PDB file of N, CA and C in Angstrom:
ATOM      1  N   SER A   1     -10.614   5.780  -2.254  1.00  0.00           N
ATOM      2  CA  SER A   1      -9.336   5.176  -2.295  1.00  0.00           C
ATOM      3  C   SER A   1      -8.788   4.630  -1.859  1.00  0.00           C
ATOM      4  N   VAL A   2      -7.229   3.492  -2.739  1.00  0.00           N
ATOM      5  CA  VAL A   2      -6.307   2.894  -1.902  1.00  0.00           C
ATOM      6  C   VAL A   2      -5.671   3.390  -0.481  1.00  0.00           C
ATOM      7  N   SER A   3      -5.059   4.903  -0.633  1.00  0.00           N
ATOM      8  CA  SER A   3      -4.599   5.857   0.450  1.00  0.00           C
ATOM      9  C   SER A   3      -5.252   5.639   1.386  1.00  0.00           C
ATOM     10  N   GLN A   4      -6.906   6.685   1.380  1.00  0.00           N
ATOM     11  CA  GLN A   4      -7.580   6.251   2.456  1.00  0.00           C
ATOM     12  C   GLN A   4      -8.085   5.117   3.144  1.00  0.00           C
ATOM     13  N   ALA A   5      -8.337   4.047   2.560  1.00  0.00           N
ATOM     14  CA  ALA A   5      -8.388   2.295   2.876  1.00  0.00           C
ATOM     15  C   ALA A   5      -7.227   2.369   3.594  1.00  0.00           C
ATOM     16  N   LEU A   6      -5.756   2.617   3.307  1.00  0.00           N
ATOM     17  CA  LEU A   6      -4.789   2.112   4.399  1.00  0.00           C
ATOM     18  C   LEU A   6      -4.707   3.164   5.593  1.00  0.00           C
ATOM     19  N   MET A   7      -4.827   4.643   5.096  1.00  0.00           N
ATOM     20  CA  MET A   7      -4.835   5.185   6.500  1.00  0.00           C
ATOM     21  C   MET A   7      -5.446   5.455   7.533  1.00  0.00           C
ATOM     22  N   LYS A   8      -6.966   4.786   7.249  1.00  0.00           N
ATOM     23  CA  LYS A   8      -7.616   4.574   8.020  1.00  0.00           C
ATOM     24  C   LYS A   8      -7.567   3.121   8.832  1.00  0.00           C
ATOM     25  N   LYS A   9      -6.838   1.966   8.243  1.00  0.00           N
ATOM     26  CA  LYS A   9      -6.420   0.534   9.197  1.00  0.00           C
ATOM     27  C   LYS A   9      -5.012   1.137   9.856  1.00  0.00           C
ATOM     28  N   GLN A  10      -4.760   2.767   9.257  1.00  0.00           N
ATOM     29  CA  GLN A  10      -3.525   3.387  10.114  1.00  0.00           C
ATOM     30  C   GLN A  10      -2.780   2.352  10.051  1.00  0.00           C
ATOM     31  N   PHE A  11      -2.273   1.645   8.606  1.00  0.00           N
ATOM     32  CA  PHE A  11      -0.588   1.375   8.134  1.00  0.00           C
ATOM     33  C   PHE A  11       0.412   1.728   8.153  1.00  0.00           C
ATOM     34  N   LYS A  12       1.105   2.171   8.375  1.00  0.00           N
ATOM     35  CA  LYS A  12       2.243   3.080   7.856  1.00  0.00           C
ATOM     36  C   LYS A  12       3.379   2.291   6.741  1.00  0.00           C
ATOM     37  N   GLY A  13       3.365   3.586   5.836  1.00  0.00           N
ATOM     38  CA  GLY A  13       4.065   4.220   4.181  1.00  0.00           C
ATOM     39  C   GLY A  13       3.800   4.336   3.803  1.00  0.00           C
ATOM     40  N   TYR A  14       4.353   4.426   2.296  1.00  0.00           N
ATOM     41  CA  TYR A  14       3.777   5.534   1.769  1.00  0.00           C
ATOM     42  C   TYR A  14       3.520   4.945   0.021  1.00  0.00           C
ATOM     43  N   ILE A  15       2.666   4.900  -0.560  1.00  0.00           N
ATOM     44  CA  ILE A  15       1.830   4.970  -1.924  1.00  0.00           C
ATOM     45  C   ILE A  15       1.912   5.939  -3.328  1.00  0.00           C
ATOM     46  N   ARG A  16       2.552   5.691  -4.550  1.00  0.00           N
ATOM     47  CA  ARG A  16       3.141   6.423  -5.205  1.00  0.00           C
ATOM     48  C   ARG A  16       2.773   6.049  -6.632  1.00  0.00           C
ATOM     49  N   ASN A  17       1.953   6.505  -7.448  1.00  0.00           N
ATOM     50  CA  ASN A  17       2.321   6.057  -8.796  1.00  0.00           C
ATOM     51  C   ASN A  17       3.423   6.464  -9.935  1.00  0.00           C
ATOM     52  N   LEU A  18       3.224   5.514 -10.111  1.00  0.00           N
ATOM     53  CA  LEU A  18       4.997   5.186 -11.526  1.00  0.00           C
ATOM     54  C   LEU A  18       4.526   5.719 -12.770  1.00  0.00           C
ATOM     55  N   ASN A  19       5.655   5.993 -13.308  1.00  0.00           N
ATOM     56  CA  ASN A  19       5.766   6.324 -14.776  1.00  0.00           C
ATOM     57  C   ASN A  19       5.117   5.761 -15.823  1.00  0.00           C
ATOM     58  N   ASN A  20       5.092   4.211 -15.309  1.00  0.00           N
ATOM     59  CA  ASN A  20       4.862   3.301 -16.466  1.00  0.00           C
ATOM     60  C   ASN A  20       3.270   2.700 -16.130  1.00  0.00           C
ATOM     61  N   GLY A  21       2.842   3.692 -15.548  1.00  0.00           N
ATOM     62  CA  GLY A  21       1.112   3.111 -14.883  1.00  0.00           C
ATOM     63  C   GLY A  21       0.632   2.007 -13.844  1.00  0.00           C
ATOM     64  N   THR A  22       1.780   1.969 -13.074  1.00  0.00           N
ATOM     65  CA  THR A  22       1.983   0.824 -12.092  1.00  0.00           C
ATOM     66  C   THR A  22       2.180   1.863 -11.009  1.00  0.00           C
ATOM     67  N   VAL A  23       1.222   1.166  -9.643  1.00  0.00           N
ATOM     68  CA  VAL A  23       1.390   1.593  -8.465  1.00  0.00           C
ATOM     69  C   VAL A  23       2.228   1.375  -7.872  1.00  0.00           C
ATOM     70  N   GLU A  24       3.021   1.736  -6.819  1.00  0.00           N
ATOM     71  CA  GLU A  24       3.919   1.597  -5.718  1.00  0.00           C
ATOM     72  C   GLU A  24       3.265   1.779  -4.495  1.00  0.00           C
ATOM     73  N   VAL A  25       3.142   0.499  -4.039  1.00  0.00           N
ATOM     74  CA  VAL A  25       3.043   0.521  -2.072  1.00  0.00           C
ATOM     75  C   VAL A  25       3.629  -0.373  -1.606  1.00  0.00           C
ATOM     76  N   VAL A  26       4.570   0.836  -0.839  1.00  0.00           N
ATOM     77  CA  VAL A  26       5.657   0.271   0.512  1.00  0.00           C
ATOM     78  C   VAL A  26       4.926   0.455   1.946  1.00  0.00           C
ATOM     79  N   ALA A  27       5.057  -0.456   2.536  1.00  0.00           N
ATOM     80  CA  ALA A  27       3.675  -0.245   3.888  1.00  0.00           C
ATOM     81  C   ALA A  27       4.707  -1.323   4.956  1.00  0.00           C
ATOM     82  N   GLU A  28       4.725  -1.265   5.939  1.00  0.00           N
ATOM     83  CA  GLU A  28       4.729  -1.553   7.339  1.00  0.00           C
ATOM     84  C   GLU A  28       3.254  -2.808   7.885  1.00  0.00           C
ATOM     85  N   VAL A  29       3.449  -4.184   7.601  1.00  0.00           N
ATOM     86  CA  VAL A  29       2.454  -4.652   7.410  1.00  0.00           C
ATOM     87  C   VAL A  29       2.544  -5.829   8.135  1.00  0.00           C
ATOM     88  N   PHE A  30       2.103  -6.120   9.097  1.00  0.00           N
ATOM     89  CA  PHE A  30       2.125  -6.998  10.398  1.00  0.00           C
ATOM     90  C   PHE A  30       1.378  -8.430  10.053  1.00  0.00           C
ATOM     91  N   ASP A  31       2.096  -9.588  10.142  1.00  0.00           N
ATOM     92  CA  ASP A  31       1.915 -10.884   9.607  1.00  0.00           C
ATOM     93  C   ASP A  31       0.047 -10.962   9.793  1.00  0.00           C
ATOM     94  N   ASP A  32      -0.423 -10.663  11.078  1.00  0.00           N
ATOM     95  CA  ASP A  32      -1.784 -10.895  10.723  1.00  0.00           C
ATOM     96  C   ASP A  32      -2.725  -9.939  10.422  1.00  0.00           C
ATOM     97  N   GLU A  33      -1.833  -8.979   9.870  1.00  0.00           N
ATOM     98  CA  GLU A  33      -2.590  -7.870   8.884  1.00  0.00           C
ATOM     99  C   GLU A  33      -2.901  -8.103   7.402  1.00  0.00           C
ATOM    100  N   MET A  34      -1.864  -8.899   6.863  1.00  0.00           N
ATOM    101  CA  MET A  34      -1.516  -9.029   5.253  1.00  0.00           C
ATOM    102  C   MET A  34      -2.587  -9.015   4.823  1.00  0.00           C
ATOM    103  N   GLU A  35      -3.603 -10.354   5.297  1.00  0.00           N
ATOM    104  CA  GLU A  35      -4.442 -10.361   4.705  1.00  0.00           C
ATOM    105  C   GLU A  35      -5.892  -9.507   4.379  1.00  0.00           C
ATOM    106  N   VAL A  36      -5.801  -8.448   5.213  1.00  0.00           N
ATOM    107  CA  VAL A  36      -7.197  -7.297   4.875  1.00  0.00           C
ATOM    108  C   VAL A  36      -5.992  -6.156   3.902  1.00  0.00           C
ATOM    109  N   PHE A  37      -4.650  -6.156   4.281  1.00  0.00           N
ATOM    110  CA  PHE A  37      -3.857  -5.303   3.444  1.00  0.00           C
ATOM    111  C   PHE A  37      -4.058  -5.800   1.695  1.00  0.00           C
ATOM    112  N   LEU A  38      -3.431  -6.843   1.415  1.00  0.00           N
ATOM    113  CA  LEU A  38      -3.815  -7.734   0.258  1.00  0.00           C
ATOM    114  C   LEU A  38      -5.573  -7.123  -0.022  1.00  0.00           C
ATOM    115  N   LYS A  39      -6.568  -7.444   0.967  1.00  0.00           N
ATOM    116  CA  LYS A  39      -7.546  -7.337   0.142  1.00  0.00           C
ATOM    117  C   LYS A  39      -7.396  -5.508  -0.192  1.00  0.00           C
ATOM    118  N   ILE A  40      -7.033  -4.688   0.340  1.00  0.00           N
ATOM    119  CA  ILE A  40      -7.803  -3.511   0.276  1.00  0.00           C
ATOM    120  C   ILE A  40      -6.652  -2.979  -1.497  1.00  0.00           C
ATOM    121  N   LEU A  41      -5.852  -3.418  -1.389  1.00  0.00           N
ATOM    122  CA  LEU A  41      -5.010  -3.537  -2.348  1.00  0.00           C
ATOM    123  C   LEU A  41      -6.062  -4.339  -4.116  1.00  0.00           C
ATOM    124  N   ARG A  42      -5.942  -5.414  -3.749  1.00  0.00           N
ATOM    125  CA  ARG A  42      -7.250  -5.855  -4.994  1.00  0.00           C
ATOM    126  C   ARG A  42      -8.295  -5.102  -5.451  1.00  0.00           C
ATOM    127  N   GLU A  43      -9.375  -4.534  -4.309  1.00  0.00           N
ATOM    128  CA  GLU A  43     -10.217  -4.058  -4.292  1.00  0.00           C
ATOM    129  C   GLU A  43     -10.172  -2.441  -5.414  1.00  0.00           C
ATOM    130  N   GLY A  44      -8.052  -2.108  -5.102  1.00  0.00           N
ATOM    131  CA  GLY A  44      -8.021  -0.852  -5.549  1.00  0.00           C
ATOM    132  C   GLY A  44      -9.267   0.496  -5.407  1.00  0.00           C
ATOM    133  N   SER A  45      -8.776   1.410  -6.011  1.00  0.00           N
ATOM    134  CA  SER A  45      -9.605   2.438  -6.023  1.00  0.00           C
ATOM    135  C   SER A  45     -10.774   2.026  -7.454  1.00  0.00           C
ATOM    136  N   PRO A  46     -11.837   3.105  -6.578  1.00  0.00           N
ATOM    137  CA  PRO A  46     -13.191   3.690  -8.367  1.00  0.00           C
ATOM    138  C   PRO A  46     -12.727   3.270  -9.911  1.00  0.00           C
ATOM    139  N   MET A  47     -11.386   4.021 -10.043  1.00  0.00           N
ATOM    140  CA  MET A  47     -10.517   4.353 -11.629  1.00  0.00           C
ATOM    141  C   MET A  47      -9.768   3.180 -11.766  1.00  0.00           C
ATOM    142  N   SER A  48      -9.576   2.036 -11.071  1.00  0.00           N
ATOM    143  CA  SER A  48      -8.298   1.393 -11.119  1.00  0.00           C
ATOM    144  C   SER A  48      -9.079   0.448 -11.771  1.00  0.00           C
ATOM    145  N   ASP A  49      -7.712  -0.580 -12.362  1.00  0.00           N
ATOM    146  CA  ASP A  49      -7.815  -1.788 -13.002  1.00  0.00           C
ATOM    147  C   ASP A  49      -6.639  -2.597 -12.663  1.00  0.00           C
ATOM    148  N   VAL A  50      -6.818  -3.749 -11.155  1.00  0.00           N
ATOM    149  CA  VAL A  50      -5.956  -4.087 -10.714  1.00  0.00           C
ATOM    150  C   VAL A  50      -5.715  -5.473 -11.493  1.00  0.00           C
ATOM    151  N   GLU A  51      -4.558  -5.654 -12.083  1.00  0.00           N
ATOM    152  CA  GLU A  51      -4.521  -6.569 -12.825  1.00  0.00           C
ATOM    153  C   GLU A  51      -3.437  -8.153 -12.403  1.00  0.00           C
ATOM    154  N   ASP A  52      -2.870  -7.295 -11.549  1.00  0.00           N
ATOM    155  CA  ASP A  52      -2.060  -8.475 -10.678  1.00  0.00           C
ATOM    156  C   ASP A  52      -1.369  -7.321  -9.314  1.00  0.00           C
ATOM    157  N   ILE A  53      -0.947  -8.369  -8.435  1.00  0.00           N
ATOM    158  CA  ILE A  53      -0.414  -7.938  -6.816  1.00  0.00           C
ATOM    159  C   ILE A  53       1.275  -8.794  -6.797  1.00  0.00           C
ATOM    160  N   GLN A  54       1.737  -7.546  -6.978  1.00  0.00           N
ATOM    161  CA  GLN A  54       3.433  -8.662  -6.980  1.00  0.00           C
ATOM    162  C   GLN A  54       4.112  -7.533  -5.235  1.00  0.00           C
ATOM    163  N   TYR A  55       4.516  -8.505  -4.906  1.00  0.00           N
ATOM    164  CA  TYR A  55       5.091  -8.045  -3.027  1.00  0.00           C
ATOM    165  C   TYR A  55       6.439  -8.905  -2.578  1.00  0.00           C
ATOM    166  N   ALA A  56       7.448  -8.138  -1.847  1.00  0.00           N
ATOM    167  CA  ALA A  56       8.544  -8.752  -1.485  1.00  0.00           C
ATOM    168  C   ALA A  56       8.133  -8.314  -0.126  1.00  0.00           C
ATOM    169  N   VAL A  57       9.118  -9.381   0.901  1.00  0.00           N
ATOM    170  CA  VAL A  57       9.094  -9.500   2.434  1.00  0.00           C
ATOM    171  C   VAL A  57       9.596  -9.158   2.770  1.00  0.00           C
ATOM    172  N   PHE A  58       9.948  -7.879   3.607  1.00  0.00           N
ATOM    173  CA  PHE A  58      11.675  -7.008   4.070  1.00  0.00           C
ATOM    174  C   PHE A  58      11.606  -7.111   5.538  1.00  0.00           C
ATOM    175  N   ASP A  59      12.777  -8.099   5.882  1.00  0.00           N
ATOM    176  CA  ASP A  59      12.334  -8.529   7.702  1.00  0.00           C
ATOM    177  C   ASP A  59      12.047  -6.474   8.533  1.00  0.00           C
ATOM    178  N   GLU A  60      12.973  -5.506   8.107  1.00  0.00           N
ATOM    179  CA  GLU A  60      13.057  -4.646   8.638  1.00  0.00           C
ATOM    180  C   GLU A  60      13.346  -3.741   7.603  1.00  0.00           C
ATOM    181  N   ALA A  61      12.529  -2.495   7.757  1.00  0.00           N
ATOM    182  CA  ALA A  61      12.371  -1.243   6.799  1.00  0.00           C
ATOM    183  C   ALA A  61      12.474  -0.581   7.475  1.00  0.00           C
ATOM    184  N   GLU A  62      13.097   1.054   7.276  1.00  0.00           N
ATOM    185  CA  GLU A  62      12.474   2.322   8.229  1.00  0.00           C
ATOM    186  C   GLU A  62      11.705   3.071   7.653  1.00  0.00           C
ATOM    187  N   PHE A  63      11.303   3.264   7.728  1.00  0.00           N
ATOM    188  CA  PHE A  63       9.915   4.652   7.510  1.00  0.00           C
ATOM    189  C   PHE A  63       9.836   5.919   8.410  1.00  0.00           C
ATOM    190  N   THR A  64      10.292   6.808   7.389  1.00  0.00           N
ATOM    191  CA  THR A  64      10.456   8.507   7.529  1.00  0.00           C
ATOM    192  C   THR A  64       8.534   9.143   8.000  1.00  0.00           C
ATOM    193  N   THR A  65       7.853   8.494   7.893  1.00  0.00           N
ATOM    194  CA  THR A  65       6.480   8.548   8.673  1.00  0.00           C
ATOM    195  C   THR A  65       5.952   8.265   9.833  1.00  0.00           C
ATOM    196  N   ASP A  66       4.962   8.569  10.252  1.00  0.00           N
ATOM    197  CA  ASP A  66       4.171   7.717  11.470  1.00  0.00           C
ATOM    198  C   ASP A  66       2.985   7.073  10.742  1.00  0.00           C
ATOM    199  N   GLY A  67       2.930   8.079   9.790  1.00  0.00           N
ATOM    200  CA  GLY A  67       1.233   7.618   9.322  1.00  0.00           C
ATOM    201  C   GLY A  67       1.431   6.614   7.834  1.00  0.00           C
ATOM    202  N   PHE A  68       0.326   7.221   6.639  1.00  0.00           N
ATOM    203  CA  PHE A  68       0.992   6.986   5.792  1.00  0.00           C
ATOM    204  C   PHE A  68       0.217   8.104   4.417  1.00  0.00           C
ATOM    205  N   GLU A  69       1.299   8.088   4.048  1.00  0.00           N
ATOM    206  CA  GLU A  69       1.465   9.251   3.246  1.00  0.00           C
ATOM    207  C   GLU A  69       1.596   8.802   1.519  1.00  0.00           C
ATOM    208  N   ILE A  70       0.707  10.161   0.349  1.00  0.00           N
ATOM    209  CA  ILE A  70       0.753  10.072  -0.642  1.00  0.00           C
ATOM    210  C   ILE A  70       2.154  10.851  -1.310  1.00  0.00           C
ATOM    211  N   ARG A  71       2.758   9.783  -2.470  1.00  0.00           N
ATOM    212  CA  ARG A  71       4.098  10.368  -2.656  1.00  0.00           C
ATOM    213  C   ARG A  71       3.989  10.984  -4.138  1.00  0.00           C
ATOM    214  N   ARG A  72       4.720  11.398  -4.586  1.00  0.00           N
ATOM    215  CA  ARG A  72       4.770  12.648  -5.812  1.00  0.00           C
ATOM    216  C   ARG A  72       6.033  11.908  -6.912  1.00  0.00           C
TER     217      ARG A  72
END
């Protein structure tokens, strides 16, 4: 799954399913990790159909987790 792949690569942040069927991922990603991060998202999970990836870059973000978590 995407969350397991992100945890394995030790990204920091969270993933959650939204009511409209999309998935939101908020993560701390350094410039040299962006390609790997986007590849994981593009591959998706076995049951997913990734049509589009939209992202925004923030200079600073605060995370309340030390790792990667699934939020409900």
